[in-house]
């Protein structure tokens, strides 16, 4: 399915706050009560519509353990949006938000949209962090705030889509430079650009997709596979010709040396 924009998200926060469950609820609309700890990163995607335009969300769910922090940091680069998650029943996950936020802002674009999420709102009886505290933290640091429940799906849809709406608004206001898509986590479909820049946009989009496919095992579309096969075939032919020329030069050099 074609899309006008692709937004890259990253989900961050302590282990066990429900990051993977939020992703699963948003992409598959289901809750998995027992979920293995995320090792490194996991990936999900979904199409949404904003202002009549199809937008693809590419979402990276990161591990919360300190041992994977260096891996997580590499995924900040190129993210247009981040979901910073804590567990409303665990005060320590809220106390660690400042560290996560500093890390995110140090390794990402200054224009990245950050949504603060207080997850597990269905466990009101076990609440350890008041909603007002989450709202105050968000105001202090210029974040969007929402409480969610991955279990009941309360506000999960809104959290992901409101983040996308904020990114889209920044594009309309010119805050995001769509010509620097690699740096800010945006891919703009060439179909929505003028004819003069369509070729360059397709080239950049293809390069980004191939890089993701190589490093993160994202499946390519059929037409992208066809293009890749054509490129590989052309490279093979060029290498074959170059090797033949080298062989011929080497043969001539051997003959000259033997005659001398």
Protein backbone atom coordinates (compact mmCIF):
# COMPACT_ATOMS: atom_id res chain seq x y z
CA UNK A 1 0.00 0.00 0.00
CA UNK A 2 1.36 3.44 -0.97
CA UNK A 3 1.80 6.18 1.62
CA UNK A 4 2.51 9.91 1.70
CA UNK A 5 4.92 9.75 4.65
CA UNK A 6 6.76 7.20 6.76
CA UNK A 7 7.42 8.16 10.40
CA UNK A 8 9.97 6.27 12.48
CA UNK A 9 9.10 5.84 16.17
CA UNK A 10 11.15 4.50 19.05
CA UNK A 11 9.62 3.21 22.30
CA UNK A 12 11.83 3.69 25.37
CA UNK A 13 11.62 3.19 29.12
CA UNK A 14 12.51 0.75 31.88
CA UNK A 15 12.11 -3.02 31.60
CA UNK A 16 8.62 -4.30 32.34
CA UNK A 17 6.70 -1.03 31.81
CA UNK A 18 4.74 -2.56 28.91
CA UNK A 19 6.53 -1.21 25.83
CA UNK A 20 6.17 -4.43 23.82
CA UNK A 21 2.55 -4.81 24.94
CA UNK A 22 1.75 -1.28 23.75
CA UNK A 23 3.29 -2.05 20.35
CA UNK A 24 1.38 -5.33 20.07
CA UNK A 25 -1.90 -3.70 21.07
CA UNK A 26 -1.44 -0.92 18.50
CA UNK A 27 -0.30 -3.08 15.58
CA UNK A 28 -2.25 -6.32 16.24
CA UNK A 29 -4.99 -5.13 18.62
CA UNK A 30 -4.29 -7.87 21.13
CA UNK A 31 -2.80 -8.17 24.60
CA UNK A 32 -0.24 -10.78 25.55
CA UNK A 33 -0.14 -11.09 29.35
CA UNK A 34 3.15 -13.01 29.42
CA UNK A 35 5.79 -11.41 27.21
CA UNK A 36 9.47 -12.35 26.95
CA UNK A 37 11.97 -9.60 27.69
CA UNK A 38 12.94 -7.72 24.55
CA UNK A 39 16.46 -8.59 23.44
CA UNK A 40 17.92 -5.62 21.60
CA UNK A 41 14.99 -4.30 19.54
CA UNK A 42 11.70 -5.48 18.08
CA UNK A 43 9.84 -3.99 15.12
CA UNK A 44 6.24 -3.26 14.17
CA UNK A 45 4.44 -1.18 11.56
CA UNK A 46 0.97 0.14 10.82
CA UNK A 47 -0.74 2.47 8.36
CA UNK A 48 -2.83 5.38 9.65
CA UNK A 49 -4.60 8.33 8.01
CA UNK A 50 -4.04 11.98 8.93
CA UNK A 51 -5.63 14.86 7.05
CA UNK A 52 -6.65 12.44 4.30
CA UNK A 53 -3.07 11.23 3.79
CA UNK A 54 -1.82 7.68 4.30
CA UNK A 55 1.05 7.58 6.79
CA UNK A 56 3.11 4.52 7.67
CA UNK A 57 4.38 4.26 11.23
CA UNK A 58 7.57 2.26 11.59
CA UNK A 59 7.94 1.47 15.29
CA UNK A 60 11.05 0.21 17.08
CA UNK A 61 10.51 -1.34 20.52
CA UNK A 62 13.74 -1.22 22.52
CA UNK A 63 15.05 -3.23 25.45
CA UNK A 64 14.93 -1.45 28.79
CA UNK A 65 17.91 -3.21 30.38
CA UNK A 66 21.05 -1.16 30.94
CA UNK A 67 23.10 -3.84 29.15
CA UNK A 68 21.27 -3.02 25.90
CA UNK A 69 21.46 0.76 26.29
CA UNK A 70 24.20 1.17 23.68
CA UNK A 71 22.04 -0.68 21.13
CA UNK A 72 19.04 1.46 22.04
CA UNK A 73 21.02 4.64 21.49
CA UNK A 74 21.77 3.69 17.90
CA UNK A 75 18.02 3.68 17.19
CA UNK A 76 17.45 7.24 18.40
CA UNK A 77 19.21 8.40 15.27
CA UNK A 78 16.61 8.99 12.60
CA UNK A 79 13.55 8.83 14.88
CA UNK A 80 10.82 11.42 14.29
CA UNK A 81 8.89 10.39 17.39
CA UNK A 82 9.51 8.68 20.72
CA UNK A 83 7.16 7.12 23.25
CA UNK A 84 8.71 7.40 26.72
CA UNK A 85 6.92 4.87 28.92
CA UNK A 86 6.70 4.34 32.68
CA UNK A 87 4.57 2.05 34.84
CA UNK A 88 2.09 3.91 37.09
CA UNK A 89 2.39 1.09 39.66
CA UNK A 90 6.19 1.36 39.96
CA UNK A 91 7.62 4.61 41.30
CA UNK A 92 11.16 3.70 40.23
CA UNK A 93 10.20 3.64 36.54
CA UNK A 94 8.90 7.21 36.92
CA UNK A 95 12.03 8.30 38.77
CA UNK A 96 14.17 7.06 35.87
CA UNK A 97 12.36 9.22 33.28
CA UNK A 98 14.86 12.07 33.53
CA UNK A 99 17.75 9.74 32.61
CA UNK A 100 15.80 8.31 29.65
CA UNK A 101 14.83 11.79 28.47
CA UNK A 102 18.39 13.12 28.68
CA UNK A 103 19.60 10.09 26.73
CA UNK A 104 16.94 10.56 24.06
CA UNK A 105 17.60 14.25 23.56
CA UNK A 106 21.36 13.73 23.44
CA UNK A 107 21.19 11.12 20.68
CA UNK A 108 18.25 12.31 18.57
CA UNK A 109 17.03 15.26 16.54
CA UNK A 110 16.09 18.31 18.62
CA UNK A 111 12.73 18.32 16.81
CA UNK A 112 11.81 14.74 17.73
CA UNK A 113 8.28 14.58 19.16
CA UNK A 114 8.19 12.84 22.55
CA UNK A 115 5.01 11.40 24.06
CA UNK A 116 5.18 10.58 27.79
CA UNK A 117 3.06 7.53 28.59
CA UNK A 118 1.96 6.33 32.01
CA UNK A 119 1.06 2.72 31.24
CA UNK A 120 -1.05 0.14 33.13
CA UNK A 121 -3.86 2.57 33.98
CA UNK A 122 -6.10 -0.48 34.46
CA UNK A 123 -4.24 -1.19 37.72
CA UNK A 124 -5.67 1.82 39.54
CA UNK A 125 -5.74 0.02 42.91
CA UNK A 126 -1.95 -0.45 42.70
CA UNK A 127 -1.18 3.08 41.48
CA UNK A 128 2.10 4.47 42.85
CA UNK A 129 2.42 7.53 40.58
CA UNK A 130 -0.38 10.09 40.50
CA UNK A 131 -1.61 11.28 37.11
CA UNK A 132 -0.88 14.86 38.15
CA UNK A 133 2.79 13.94 38.58
CA UNK A 134 2.97 12.67 35.02
CA UNK A 135 1.25 15.82 33.75
CA UNK A 136 3.67 18.01 35.71
CA UNK A 137 6.73 16.16 34.36
CA UNK A 138 5.41 16.52 30.80
CA UNK A 139 4.77 20.26 31.24
CA UNK A 140 8.21 20.82 32.72
CA UNK A 141 9.97 19.08 29.83
CA UNK A 142 7.70 20.08 26.94
CA UNK A 143 6.26 16.61 26.31
CA UNK A 144 2.83 15.36 25.34
CA UNK A 145 1.26 13.25 28.10
CA UNK A 146 -1.24 10.41 28.23
CA UNK A 147 -2.04 7.46 30.48
CA UNK A 148 -2.71 4.16 28.72
CA UNK A 149 -3.52 0.52 29.32
CA UNK A 150 -2.01 -2.00 26.93
CA UNK A 151 -4.34 -4.58 28.51
CA UNK A 152 -7.66 -2.79 27.89
CA UNK A 153 -6.35 -0.75 24.92
CA UNK A 154 -7.39 2.48 26.67
CA UNK A 155 -5.71 5.45 24.92
CA UNK A 156 -3.22 3.20 23.08
CA UNK A 157 -4.53 4.22 19.66
CA UNK A 158 -4.58 7.87 20.70
CA UNK A 159 -1.01 7.80 22.02
CA UNK A 160 0.49 6.60 18.74
CA UNK A 161 -1.77 8.66 16.47
CA UNK A 162 -1.49 11.90 18.48
CA UNK A 163 2.28 11.60 18.24
CA UNK A 164 1.96 11.24 14.46
CA UNK A 165 -0.37 14.26 14.32
CA UNK A 166 2.23 16.34 16.15
CA UNK A 167 4.94 15.23 13.68
CA UNK A 168 2.64 15.95 10.74
CA UNK A 169 1.89 19.42 12.15
CA UNK A 170 5.61 20.15 12.40
CA UNK A 171 6.01 19.17 8.75
CA UNK A 172 3.24 21.58 7.75
CA UNK A 173 4.85 24.35 9.80
CA UNK A 174 8.25 23.71 8.19
CA UNK A 175 9.90 22.64 11.47
CA UNK A 176 10.94 19.35 9.91
CA UNK A 177 13.05 19.59 6.77
CA UNK A 178 11.65 16.81 4.58
CA UNK A 179 14.75 17.02 2.38
CA UNK A 180 16.81 15.82 5.35
CA UNK A 181 14.63 12.77 5.97
CA UNK A 182 17.46 10.48 7.09
CA UNK A 183 18.30 12.75 10.00
CA UNK A 184 14.71 13.20 11.24
CA UNK A 185 13.11 9.82 10.59
CA UNK A 186 10.82 10.81 7.73
CA UNK A 187 10.42 9.24 4.33
CA UNK A 188 8.32 11.18 1.86
CA UNK A 189 6.66 9.28 -0.97
CA UNK A 190 7.88 10.51 -4.36
CA UNK A 191 4.28 10.38 -5.59
CA UNK A 192 3.55 13.45 -3.43
CA UNK A 193 6.45 15.53 -4.77
CA UNK A 194 6.94 17.48 -7.97
CA UNK A 195 8.37 15.77 -11.07
CA UNK A 196 11.75 17.51 -10.73
CA UNK A 197 12.51 15.87 -7.37
CA UNK A 198 10.75 12.52 -7.82
CA UNK A 199 13.89 10.77 -9.06
CA UNK A 200 16.02 12.02 -6.15
CA UNK A 201 13.28 11.17 -3.63
CA UNK A 202 12.93 7.64 -4.99
CA UNK A 203 16.70 7.19 -4.84
CA UNK A 204 16.85 8.35 -1.20
CA UNK A 205 13.82 6.27 -0.27
CA UNK A 206 15.29 3.17 -1.90
CA UNK A 207 18.64 3.68 -0.15
CA UNK A 208 16.88 4.02 3.22
CA UNK A 209 14.77 0.94 2.64
CA UNK A 210 17.76 -1.15 1.54
CA UNK A 211 19.76 -0.04 4.58
CA UNK A 212 16.90 -1.03 6.87
CA UNK A 213 16.52 -4.34 5.07
CA UNK A 214 20.21 -5.15 5.44
CA UNK A 215 20.57 -4.09 9.07
CA UNK A 216 17.14 -4.78 10.51
CA UNK A 217 15.70 -7.52 8.29
CA UNK A 218 12.69 -5.54 7.05
CA UNK A 219 11.10 -7.29 4.04
CA UNK A 220 11.30 -5.38 0.79
CA UNK A 221 8.36 -4.77 -1.54
CA UNK A 222 8.27 -6.84 -4.79
CA UNK A 223 9.28 -3.84 -6.92
CA UNK A 224 12.20 -3.13 -4.58
CA UNK A 225 13.36 -6.74 -4.90
CA UNK A 226 13.16 -6.39 -8.69
CA UNK A 227 15.22 -3.19 -8.60
CA UNK A 228 17.77 -4.81 -6.30
CA UNK A 229 18.10 -7.83 -8.63
CA UNK A 230 18.66 -5.51 -11.58
CA UNK A 231 21.33 -3.58 -9.68
CA UNK A 232 23.06 -6.80 -8.59
CA UNK A 233 23.02 -8.11 -12.16
CA UNK A 234 24.51 -4.84 -13.44
CA UNK A 235 27.23 -4.89 -10.78
CA UNK A 236 28.07 -8.52 -11.63
CA UNK A 237 28.41 -7.62 -15.31
CA UNK A 238 30.68 -4.67 -14.49
CA UNK A 239 32.86 -6.84 -12.25
CA UNK A 240 33.04 -9.52 -14.93
CA UNK A 241 34.21 -6.99 -17.54
CA UNK A 242 36.73 -5.48 -15.12
CA UNK A 243 38.16 -8.90 -14.25
CA UNK A 244 38.45 -9.81 -17.94
CA UNK A 245 40.34 -6.57 -18.62
CA UNK A 246 42.67 -7.23 -15.70
CA UNK A 247 43.24 -10.79 -16.91
CA UNK A 248 44.04 -9.55 -20.43
CA UNK A 249 46.47 -6.93 -19.09
CA UNK A 250 48.11 -9.55 -16.88
CA UNK A 251 48.43 -11.94 -19.84
CA UNK A 252 50.03 -9.24 -22.01
CA UNK A 253 52.47 -8.41 -19.24
CA UNK A 254 53.45 -12.08 -18.88
CA UNK A 255 54.06 -12.39 -22.63
CA UNK A 256 56.24 -9.27 -22.67
CA UNK A 257 58.29 -10.54 -19.73
CA UNK A 258 58.77 -13.97 -21.32
CA UNK A 259 59.91 -12.44 -24.62
CA UNK A 260 62.48 -10.36 -22.76
